[in-house]
PDB file of N, CA and C in Angstrom:
ATOM      1  N   MET A   1       0.901  -1.263   0.052  1.00  0.00           N
ATOM      2  CA  MET A   1       0.207   0.011   0.047  1.00  0.00           C
ATOM      3  C   MET A   1       0.914   1.320   0.030  1.00  0.00           C
ATOM      4  N   SER A   2       0.442   2.337  -0.706  1.00  0.00           N
ATOM      5  CA  SER A   2       1.274   3.531  -0.783  1.00  0.00           C
ATOM      6  C   SER A   2       1.115   4.322   0.398  1.00  0.00           C
ATOM      7  N   SER A   3       2.237   5.082   0.631  1.00  0.00           N
ATOM      8  CA  SER A   3       2.326   5.864   1.894  1.00  0.00           C
ATOM      9  C   SER A   3       1.517   7.312   1.522  1.00  0.00           C
ATOM     10  N   VAL A   4       1.319   7.536   0.341  1.00  0.00           N
ATOM     11  CA  VAL A   4       1.064   8.659  -0.349  1.00  0.00           C
ATOM     12  C   VAL A   4      -0.590   8.570  -0.012  1.00  0.00           C
ATOM     13  N   PRO A   5      -1.263   9.752   0.562  1.00  0.00           N
ATOM     14  CA  PRO A   5      -2.770   9.651   0.786  1.00  0.00           C
ATOM     15  C   PRO A   5      -3.275   9.595  -0.628  1.00  0.00           C
ATOM     16  N   GLU A   6      -4.449   8.778  -0.718  1.00  0.00           N
ATOM     17  CA  GLU A   6      -5.035   8.597  -1.928  1.00  0.00           C
ATOM     18  C   GLU A   6      -5.579  10.118  -2.727  1.00  0.00           C
ATOM     19  N   ARG A   7      -5.824  11.193  -2.095  1.00  0.00           N
ATOM     20  CA  ARG A   7      -6.064  12.293  -2.767  1.00  0.00           C
ATOM     21  C   ARG A   7      -5.032  12.946  -3.294  1.00  0.00           C
ATOM     22  N   PHE A   8      -3.745  12.600  -2.973  1.00  0.00           N
ATOM     23  CA  PHE A   8      -2.487  12.912  -3.743  1.00  0.00           C
ATOM     24  C   PHE A   8      -1.814  12.177  -4.670  1.00  0.00           C
ATOM     25  N   ASN A   9      -2.448  11.189  -4.986  1.00  0.00           N
ATOM     26  CA  ASN A   9      -2.155  10.061  -5.737  1.00  0.00           C
ATOM     27  C   ASN A   9      -2.003  10.619  -7.266  1.00  0.00           C
ATOM     28  N   THR A  10      -0.820  10.798  -7.846  1.00  0.00           N
ATOM     29  CA  THR A  10      -0.641  11.450  -9.056  1.00  0.00           C
ATOM     30  C   THR A  10      -0.558  10.351 -10.365  1.00  0.00           C
ATOM     31  N   GLU A  11      -0.754   9.179  -9.770  1.00  0.00           N
ATOM     32  CA  GLU A  11      -0.801   7.992 -10.740  1.00  0.00           C
ATOM     33  C   GLU A  11      -2.184   7.623 -11.354  1.00  0.00           C
ATOM     34  N   ARG A  12      -3.153   8.363 -10.674  1.00  0.00           N
ATOM     35  CA  ARG A  12      -4.625   8.227 -11.194  1.00  0.00           C
ATOM     36  C   ARG A  12      -4.759   8.218 -12.724  1.00  0.00           C
ATOM     37  N   GLU A  13      -5.914   7.655 -13.045  1.00  0.00           N
ATOM     38  CA  GLU A  13      -6.483   7.665 -14.527  1.00  0.00           C
ATOM     39  C   GLU A  13      -6.956   8.818 -14.657  1.00  0.00           C
ATOM     40  N   GLY A  14      -6.898   9.438 -15.752  1.00  0.00           N
ATOM     41  CA  GLY A  14      -7.731  10.612 -16.055  1.00  0.00           C
ATOM     42  C   GLY A  14      -7.386  12.039 -15.478  1.00  0.00           C
ATOM     43  N   LEU A  15      -6.168  12.028 -14.963  1.00  0.00           N
ATOM     44  CA  LEU A  15      -5.842  13.398 -14.494  1.00  0.00           C
ATOM     45  C   LEU A  15      -5.866  14.383 -15.493  1.00  0.00           C
ATOM     46  N   CYS A  16      -6.397  15.631 -15.105  1.00  0.00           N
ATOM     47  CA  CYS A  16      -6.575  16.785 -15.886  1.00  0.00           C
ATOM     48  C   CYS A  16      -5.109  17.208 -16.306  1.00  0.00           C
ATOM     49  N   SER A  17      -4.910  17.653 -17.728  1.00  0.00           N
ATOM     50  CA  SER A  17      -3.707  17.864 -18.129  1.00  0.00           C
ATOM     51  C   SER A  17      -3.253  19.188 -17.494  1.00  0.00           C
ATOM     52  N   ALA A  18      -4.128  19.982 -17.000  1.00  0.00           N
ATOM     53  CA  ALA A  18      -3.872  21.492 -16.470  1.00  0.00           C
ATOM     54  C   ALA A  18      -3.460  21.397 -15.103  1.00  0.00           C
ATOM     55  N   LEU A  19      -3.511  20.165 -14.402  1.00  0.00           N
ATOM     56  CA  LEU A  19      -2.851  19.805 -12.977  1.00  0.00           C
ATOM     57  C   LEU A  19      -1.448  19.751 -13.105  1.00  0.00           C
ATOM     58  N   HIS A  20      -0.676  20.624 -12.327  1.00  0.00           N
ATOM     59  CA  HIS A  20       0.900  20.212 -12.324  1.00  0.00           C
ATOM     60  C   HIS A  20       1.403  20.309 -10.797  1.00  0.00           C
ATOM     61  N   TRP A  21       2.540  19.519 -10.456  1.00  0.00           N
ATOM     62  CA  TRP A  21       3.123  19.392  -9.277  1.00  0.00           C
ATOM     63  C   TRP A  21       4.585  19.355  -9.540  1.00  0.00           C
ATOM     64  N   LYS A  22       5.469  19.678  -8.500  1.00  0.00           N
ATOM     65  CA  LYS A  22       6.821  19.911  -8.504  1.00  0.00           C
ATOM     66  C   LYS A  22       7.477  18.801  -9.225  1.00  0.00           C
ATOM     67  N   SER A  23       7.166  17.413  -8.887  1.00  0.00           N
ATOM     68  CA  SER A  23       8.161  16.421  -9.175  1.00  0.00           C
ATOM     69  C   SER A  23       7.904  16.270 -10.824  1.00  0.00           C
ATOM     70  N   GLN A  24       6.923  16.879 -11.516  1.00  0.00           N
ATOM     71  CA  GLN A  24       7.074  16.760 -12.847  1.00  0.00           C
ATOM     72  C   GLN A  24       8.068  17.587 -13.724  1.00  0.00           C
ATOM     73  N   TYR A  25       8.903  18.414 -12.654  1.00  0.00           N
ATOM     74  CA  TYR A  25       9.832  19.291 -13.205  1.00  0.00           C
ATOM     75  C   TYR A  25      11.152  19.022 -12.702  1.00  0.00           C
ATOM     76  N   ILE A  26      11.397  17.914 -11.984  1.00  0.00           N
ATOM     77  CA  ILE A  26      12.532  17.449 -11.475  1.00  0.00           C
ATOM     78  C   ILE A  26      13.134  16.410 -12.419  1.00  0.00           C
ATOM     79  N   TRP A  27      14.375  16.806 -13.100  1.00  0.00           N
ATOM     80  CA  TRP A  27      14.785  15.880 -14.209  1.00  0.00           C
ATOM     81  C   TRP A  27      15.887  15.025 -13.570  1.00  0.00           C
ATOM     82  N   SER A  28      15.342  14.117 -12.887  1.00  0.00           N
ATOM     83  CA  SER A  28      16.417  12.998 -12.301  1.00  0.00           C
ATOM     84  C   SER A  28      15.805  11.711 -12.025  1.00  0.00           C
ATOM     85  N   SER A  29      16.651  10.694 -11.981  1.00  0.00           N
ATOM     86  CA  SER A  29      15.996   9.294 -11.719  1.00  0.00           C
ATOM     87  C   SER A  29      15.372   9.254 -10.273  1.00  0.00           C
ATOM     88  N   PRO A  30      14.275   8.595 -10.148  1.00  0.00           N
ATOM     89  CA  PRO A  30      13.754   8.291  -8.879  1.00  0.00           C
ATOM     90  C   PRO A  30      14.706   7.555  -8.013  1.00  0.00           C
ATOM     91  N   ASP A  31      14.875   7.879  -6.801  1.00  0.00           N
ATOM     92  CA  ASP A  31      15.654   7.345  -5.779  1.00  0.00           C
ATOM     93  C   ASP A  31      14.713   6.571  -4.905  1.00  0.00           C
ATOM     94  N   PRO A  32      14.648   5.164  -4.986  1.00  0.00           N
ATOM     95  CA  PRO A  32      13.659   4.303  -4.180  1.00  0.00           C
ATOM     96  C   PRO A  32      14.116   4.328  -2.685  1.00  0.00           C
ATOM     97  N   THR A  33      15.315   5.045  -2.217  1.00  0.00           N
ATOM     98  CA  THR A  33      15.554   5.107  -0.915  1.00  0.00           C
ATOM     99  C   THR A  33      14.980   6.408  -0.074  1.00  0.00           C
ATOM    100  N   VAL A  34      14.441   7.054  -0.984  1.00  0.00           N
ATOM    101  CA  VAL A  34      14.083   8.469  -0.637  1.00  0.00           C
ATOM    102  C   VAL A  34      12.223   8.295  -0.697  1.00  0.00           C
ATOM    103  N   PRO A  35      11.725   8.418   0.514  1.00  0.00           N
ATOM    104  CA  PRO A  35      10.323   8.259   0.406  1.00  0.00           C
ATOM    105  C   PRO A  35       9.817   9.539  -0.192  1.00  0.00           C
ATOM    106  N   ARG A  36       8.518   9.267  -1.014  1.00  0.00           N
ATOM    107  CA  ARG A  36       7.806  10.290  -1.526  1.00  0.00           C
ATOM    108  C   ARG A  36       7.339  11.388  -0.377  1.00  0.00           C
ATOM    109  N   SER A  37       7.316  12.517  -0.770  1.00  0.00           N
ATOM    110  CA  SER A  37       6.727  13.586   0.312  1.00  0.00           C
ATOM    111  C   SER A  37       5.381  13.637   0.603  1.00  0.00           C
ATOM    112  N   GLY A  38       4.445  13.343  -0.687  1.00  0.00           N
ATOM    113  CA  GLY A  38       3.200  13.245  -0.418  1.00  0.00           C
ATOM    114  C   GLY A  38       2.584  14.765   0.218  1.00  0.00           C
ATOM    115  N   ASP A  39       3.287  16.055  -0.223  1.00  0.00           N
ATOM    116  CA  ASP A  39       3.223  17.056   0.456  1.00  0.00           C
ATOM    117  C   ASP A  39       1.718  17.782  -0.079  1.00  0.00           C
ATOM    118  N   GLY A  40       1.412  17.407  -0.994  1.00  0.00           N
ATOM    119  CA  GLY A  40       0.131  18.151  -1.791  1.00  0.00           C
ATOM    120  C   GLY A  40       0.321  19.481  -2.291  1.00  0.00           C
ATOM    121  N   LEU A  41       1.533  19.640  -2.783  1.00  0.00           N
ATOM    122  CA  LEU A  41       1.593  20.902  -3.525  1.00  0.00           C
ATOM    123  C   LEU A  41       1.296  20.926  -5.014  1.00  0.00           C
ATOM    124  N   PHE A  42       0.130  21.242  -5.434  1.00  0.00           N
ATOM    125  CA  PHE A  42      -0.483  21.261  -6.674  1.00  0.00           C
ATOM    126  C   PHE A  42      -0.967  22.505  -7.087  1.00  0.00           C
ATOM    127  N   TRP A  43      -0.929  22.821  -8.346  1.00  0.00           N
ATOM    128  CA  TRP A  43      -1.453  23.754  -9.001  1.00  0.00           C
ATOM    129  C   TRP A  43      -2.268  23.655 -10.406  1.00  0.00           C
ATOM    130  N   CYS A  44      -2.974  24.821 -10.452  1.00  0.00           N
ATOM    131  CA  CYS A  44      -4.000  24.456 -12.096  1.00  0.00           C
ATOM    132  C   CYS A  44      -3.309  25.370 -12.896  1.00  0.00           C
ATOM    133  N   ALA A  45      -2.943  25.105 -14.026  1.00  0.00           N
ATOM    134  CA  ALA A  45      -2.350  25.755 -15.341  1.00  0.00           C
ATOM    135  C   ALA A  45      -3.214  26.927 -15.597  1.00  0.00           C
ATOM    136  N   MET A  46      -4.599  26.688 -15.571  1.00  0.00           N
ATOM    137  CA  MET A  46      -5.459  27.804 -15.905  1.00  0.00           C
ATOM    138  C   MET A  46      -5.599  28.873 -15.076  1.00  0.00           C
ATOM    139  N   THR A  47      -5.334  28.708 -13.619  1.00  0.00           N
ATOM    140  CA  THR A  47      -5.404  29.850 -12.902  1.00  0.00           C
ATOM    141  C   THR A  47      -4.024  29.989 -12.241  1.00  0.00           C
ATOM    142  N   GLN A  48      -3.187  29.239 -12.241  1.00  0.00           N
ATOM    143  CA  GLN A  48      -1.747  29.437 -11.781  1.00  0.00           C
ATOM    144  C   GLN A  48      -1.796  29.465 -10.146  1.00  0.00           C
ATOM    145  N   THR A  49      -2.765  28.758  -9.478  1.00  0.00           N
ATOM    146  CA  THR A  49      -3.058  28.814  -8.135  1.00  0.00           C
ATOM    147  C   THR A  49      -3.220  27.305  -7.620  1.00  0.00           C
ATOM    148  N   CYS A  50      -3.444  27.122  -6.350  1.00  0.00           N
ATOM    149  CA  CYS A  50      -4.006  25.713  -6.059  1.00  0.00           C
ATOM    150  C   CYS A  50      -5.522  25.742  -6.030  1.00  0.00           C
ATOM    151  N   ILE A  51      -5.977  26.586  -6.686  1.00  0.00           N
ATOM    152  CA  ILE A  51      -7.583  26.661  -6.869  1.00  0.00           C
ATOM    153  C   ILE A  51      -7.895  26.596  -8.519  1.00  0.00           C
ATOM    154  N   GLY A  52      -8.646  25.646  -8.669  1.00  0.00           N
ATOM    155  CA  GLY A  52      -9.210  25.621 -10.135  1.00  0.00           C
ATOM    156  C   GLY A  52     -10.240  26.774 -10.509  1.00  0.00           C
ATOM    157  N   PRO A  53     -10.404  27.035 -11.757  1.00  0.00           N
ATOM    158  CA  PRO A  53     -11.376  27.814 -12.136  1.00  0.00           C
ATOM    159  C   PRO A  53     -12.891  27.702 -11.665  1.00  0.00           C
ATOM    160  N   ASP A  54     -13.123  26.488 -11.250  1.00  0.00           N
ATOM    161  CA  ASP A  54     -14.564  26.248 -10.749  1.00  0.00           C
ATOM    162  C   ASP A  54     -14.280  26.536  -9.124  1.00  0.00           C
ATOM    163  N   GLY A  55     -13.472  27.095  -8.451  1.00  0.00           N
ATOM    164  CA  GLY A  55     -13.238  27.230  -7.228  1.00  0.00           C
ATOM    165  C   GLY A  55     -12.940  26.307  -6.139  1.00  0.00           C
ATOM    166  N   GLN A  56     -12.672  25.052  -6.680  1.00  0.00           N
ATOM    167  CA  GLN A  56     -12.422  23.757  -6.070  1.00  0.00           C
ATOM    168  C   GLN A  56     -10.788  23.551  -6.079  1.00  0.00           C
ATOM    169  N   LEU A  57     -10.453  22.851  -5.097  1.00  0.00           N
ATOM    170  CA  LEU A  57      -8.853  22.585  -4.947  1.00  0.00           C
ATOM    171  C   LEU A  57      -8.376  21.945  -5.986  1.00  0.00           C
ATOM    172  N   ALA A  58      -7.102  22.066  -6.505  1.00  0.00           N
ATOM    173  CA  ALA A  58      -6.515  21.526  -7.668  1.00  0.00           C
ATOM    174  C   ALA A  58      -5.635  20.495  -7.215  1.00  0.00           C
ATOM    175  N   GLU A  59      -5.962  19.320  -6.937  1.00  0.00           N
ATOM    176  CA  GLU A  59      -5.191  18.045  -6.559  1.00  0.00           C
ATOM    177  C   GLU A  59      -5.675  16.749  -7.367  1.00  0.00           C
ATOM    178  N   PRO A  60      -4.859  15.759  -7.319  1.00  0.00           N
ATOM    179  CA  PRO A  60      -5.475  14.697  -7.955  1.00  0.00           C
ATOM    180  C   PRO A  60      -6.808  14.093  -7.635  1.00  0.00           C
ATOM    181  N   GLY A  61      -6.973  14.055  -6.446  1.00  0.00           N
ATOM    182  CA  GLY A  61      -8.370  13.585  -5.925  1.00  0.00           C
ATOM    183  C   GLY A  61      -9.454  14.230  -6.606  1.00  0.00           C
ATOM    184  N   ASN A  62      -9.256  15.523  -6.835  1.00  0.00           N
ATOM    185  CA  ASN A  62     -10.362  16.494  -7.499  1.00  0.00           C
ATOM    186  C   ASN A  62     -10.263  16.642  -9.006  1.00  0.00           C
ATOM    187  N   CYS A  63      -9.143  16.267  -9.577  1.00  0.00           N
ATOM    188  CA  CYS A  63      -8.850  16.651 -10.836  1.00  0.00           C
ATOM    189  C   CYS A  63      -8.637  15.317 -11.765  1.00  0.00           C
ATOM    190  N   CYS A  64      -9.471  14.311 -11.481  1.00  0.00           N
ATOM    191  CA  CYS A  64      -9.243  13.085 -12.355  1.00  0.00           C
ATOM    192  C   CYS A  64     -10.439  12.725 -12.789  1.00  0.00           C
ATOM    193  N   SER A  65     -11.472  13.582 -13.165  1.00  0.00           N
ATOM    194  CA  SER A  65     -12.780  13.296 -13.937  1.00  0.00           C
ATOM    195  C   SER A  65     -13.295  14.161 -14.406  1.00  0.00           C
ATOM    196  N   GLY A  66     -14.015  14.038 -15.688  1.00  0.00           N
ATOM    197  CA  GLY A  66     -14.516  14.984 -16.375  1.00  0.00           C
ATOM    198  C   GLY A  66     -15.717  15.642 -15.767  1.00  0.00           C
ATOM    199  N   ASP A  67     -16.127  15.455 -14.510  1.00  0.00           N
ATOM    200  CA  ASP A  67     -17.328  15.788 -13.862  1.00  0.00           C
ATOM    201  C   ASP A  67     -17.083  17.466 -13.498  1.00  0.00           C
ATOM    202  N   ARG A  68     -15.821  17.707 -13.516  1.00  0.00           N
ATOM    203  CA  ARG A  68     -15.439  19.186 -13.347  1.00  0.00           C
ATOM    204  C   ARG A  68     -15.524  19.928 -14.731  1.00  0.00           C
ATOM    205  N   GLY A  69     -16.218  20.986 -14.694  1.00  0.00           N
ATOM    206  CA  GLY A  69     -16.396  21.819 -15.944  1.00  0.00           C
ATOM    207  C   GLY A  69     -15.084  22.163 -16.561  1.00  0.00           C
ATOM    208  N   CYS A  70     -14.078  22.318 -15.832  1.00  0.00           N
ATOM    209  CA  CYS A  70     -12.833  22.735 -16.251  1.00  0.00           C
ATOM    210  C   CYS A  70     -11.725  21.665 -16.607  1.00  0.00           C
ATOM    211  N   HIS A  71     -12.301  20.471 -16.549  1.00  0.00           N
ATOM    212  CA  HIS A  71     -11.361  19.317 -16.586  1.00  0.00           C
ATOM    213  C   HIS A  71     -10.796  19.327 -18.248  1.00  0.00           C
ATOM    214  N   CYS A  72      -9.328  19.294 -18.472  1.00  0.00           N
ATOM    215  CA  CYS A  72      -8.821  19.308 -19.824  1.00  0.00           C
ATOM    216  C   CYS A  72      -8.248  18.123 -20.076  1.00  0.00           C
ATOM    217  N   GLY A  73      -9.002  16.968 -20.140  1.00  0.00           N
ATOM    218  CA  GLY A  73      -8.721  15.747 -20.628  1.00  0.00           C
ATOM    219  C   GLY A  73      -7.671  15.123 -19.840  1.00  0.00           C
ATOM    220  N   ALA A  74      -7.067  13.598 -20.123  1.00  0.00           N
ATOM    221  CA  ALA A  74      -6.221  12.915 -19.330  1.00  0.00           C
ATOM    222  C   ALA A  74      -4.811  13.513 -19.779  1.00  0.00           C
ATOM    223  N   SER A  75      -3.956  13.539 -18.753  1.00  0.00           N
ATOM    224  CA  SER A  75      -2.658  13.836 -18.935  1.00  0.00           C
ATOM    225  C   SER A  75      -1.791  12.495 -18.973  1.00  0.00           C
ATOM    226  N   LYS A  76      -2.396  11.354 -18.690  1.00  0.00           N
ATOM    227  CA  LYS A  76      -1.722  10.079 -18.838  1.00  0.00           C
ATOM    228  C   LYS A  76      -2.256   9.131 -20.035  1.00  0.00           C
TER     229      LYS A  76
END
């Protein structure tokens, strides 16, 4: 079982392509001896904040379905 809370799971199917997080921009090989932080630092490319255009938090738990009017297709 993952130590990352499910709401921060970036491996979810159907994540919005506007959802971003810091590890997307780190160009190094993952080190399995370093635990994932699960810090929940996410932002929406449409608003450039942690709040999406619909006023809800931008995080994987909220940004993984087309139920949100601002959802921009799957990033995976």
